[in-house]
Protein backbone atom coordinates (compact mmCIF):
# COMPACT_ATOMS: atom_id res chain seq x y z
CA UNK A 1 23.61 -26.77 -32.61
CA UNK A 2 26.10 -28.87 -33.95
CA UNK A 3 28.52 -30.53 -31.47
CA UNK A 4 32.06 -29.23 -31.49
CA UNK A 5 34.50 -31.71 -33.05
CA UNK A 6 37.72 -32.07 -31.12
CA UNK A 7 40.95 -31.71 -33.27
CA UNK A 8 43.83 -34.09 -32.80
CA UNK A 9 46.97 -32.06 -31.67
CA UNK A 10 49.48 -32.05 -34.54
CA UNK A 11 52.86 -33.53 -33.69
CA UNK A 12 55.87 -31.56 -34.14
CA UNK A 13 58.57 -32.99 -36.32
CA UNK A 14 62.13 -32.10 -35.48
CA UNK A 15 64.31 -31.01 -38.50
CA UNK A 16 66.04 -34.42 -38.74
CA UNK A 17 62.83 -36.20 -38.77
CA UNK A 18 61.48 -33.80 -41.65
CA UNK A 19 64.51 -34.46 -43.58
CA UNK A 20 63.91 -38.29 -43.37
CA UNK A 21 60.46 -38.22 -44.43
CA UNK A 22 61.40 -35.91 -47.58
CA UNK A 23 63.89 -38.79 -48.37
CA UNK A 24 61.45 -41.37 -48.26
CA UNK A 25 58.93 -39.19 -50.57
CA UNK A 26 61.74 -38.88 -52.95
CA UNK A 27 62.42 -42.62 -53.04
CA UNK A 28 58.88 -43.36 -53.46
CA UNK A 29 58.48 -41.18 -56.01
CA UNK A 30 61.15 -42.40 -58.02
CA UNK A 31 59.88 -45.74 -57.69
CA UNK A 32 56.45 -44.94 -59.22
CA UNK A 33 56.08 -45.13 -63.01
CA UNK A 34 53.10 -44.07 -64.68
CA UNK A 35 51.68 -45.81 -67.71
CA UNK A 36 49.09 -44.04 -69.85
CA UNK A 37 47.01 -45.71 -72.24
CA UNK A 38 44.96 -44.12 -74.76
CA UNK A 39 41.40 -45.25 -74.28
CA UNK A 40 40.18 -47.71 -76.99
CA UNK A 41 37.65 -46.09 -79.28
CA UNK A 42 34.18 -47.21 -78.70
CA UNK A 43 31.98 -48.37 -81.52
CA UNK A 44 28.30 -47.22 -81.58
CA UNK A 45 25.88 -50.16 -82.15
CA UNK A 46 23.20 -49.44 -84.74
CA UNK A 47 19.71 -49.82 -83.25
CA UNK A 48 16.76 -50.49 -85.45
CA UNK A 49 14.25 -48.25 -84.01
CA UNK A 50 11.55 -49.90 -85.85
CA UNK A 51 12.05 -53.16 -84.35
CA UNK A 52 12.94 -51.87 -80.95
CA UNK A 53 9.71 -49.44 -80.67
CA UNK A 54 7.28 -51.21 -83.03
CA UNK A 55 4.70 -51.04 -80.08
CA UNK A 56 5.22 -47.26 -79.99
CA UNK A 57 3.92 -46.88 -83.51
CA UNK A 58 0.66 -48.58 -82.94
CA UNK A 59 0.06 -46.34 -79.87
CA UNK A 60 0.97 -43.30 -81.74
CA UNK A 61 -1.72 -44.19 -84.48
CA UNK A 62 -4.28 -44.82 -81.56
CA UNK A 63 -3.54 -41.45 -80.10
CA UNK A 64 -3.95 -39.99 -83.37
CA UNK A 65 -7.20 -41.44 -84.35
CA UNK A 66 -8.60 -40.37 -81.11
CA UNK A 67 -7.41 -36.84 -81.17
CA UNK A 68 -8.99 -36.67 -84.58
CA UNK A 69 -12.29 -38.16 -83.30
CA UNK A 70 -12.32 -35.60 -80.36
CA UNK A 71 -11.44 -32.84 -82.61
CA UNK A 72 -14.42 -33.60 -84.89
CA UNK A 73 -16.53 -34.03 -82.01
CA UNK A 74 -15.86 -30.35 -80.73
CA UNK A 75 -16.46 -29.04 -84.21
CA UNK A 76 -19.83 -30.87 -84.27
CA UNK A 77 -20.81 -29.56 -80.91
CA UNK A 78 -19.74 -26.13 -81.73
CA UNK A 79 -21.99 -26.34 -84.96
CA UNK A 80 -24.93 -27.78 -83.26
CA UNK A 81 -24.98 -25.48 -79.98
CA UNK A 82 -24.80 -21.94 -82.03
């Protein structure tokens, strides 16, 4: 079981203290100014995939040749074992 956490007792503010904090909040709120800036549009960098992935093309060719050889071997085995 989880240990129970003790809560700190909340202090009770008097009406005058509450009014004082409200006055401070109003003053603070008046001092804050919000400046919004539109985000700058980002430009997409063009990528030359042929240069970036030149090694992948060689791998795909090798896999294709291997798959064709294995398929041909299956066809030959099927014809021979019948």
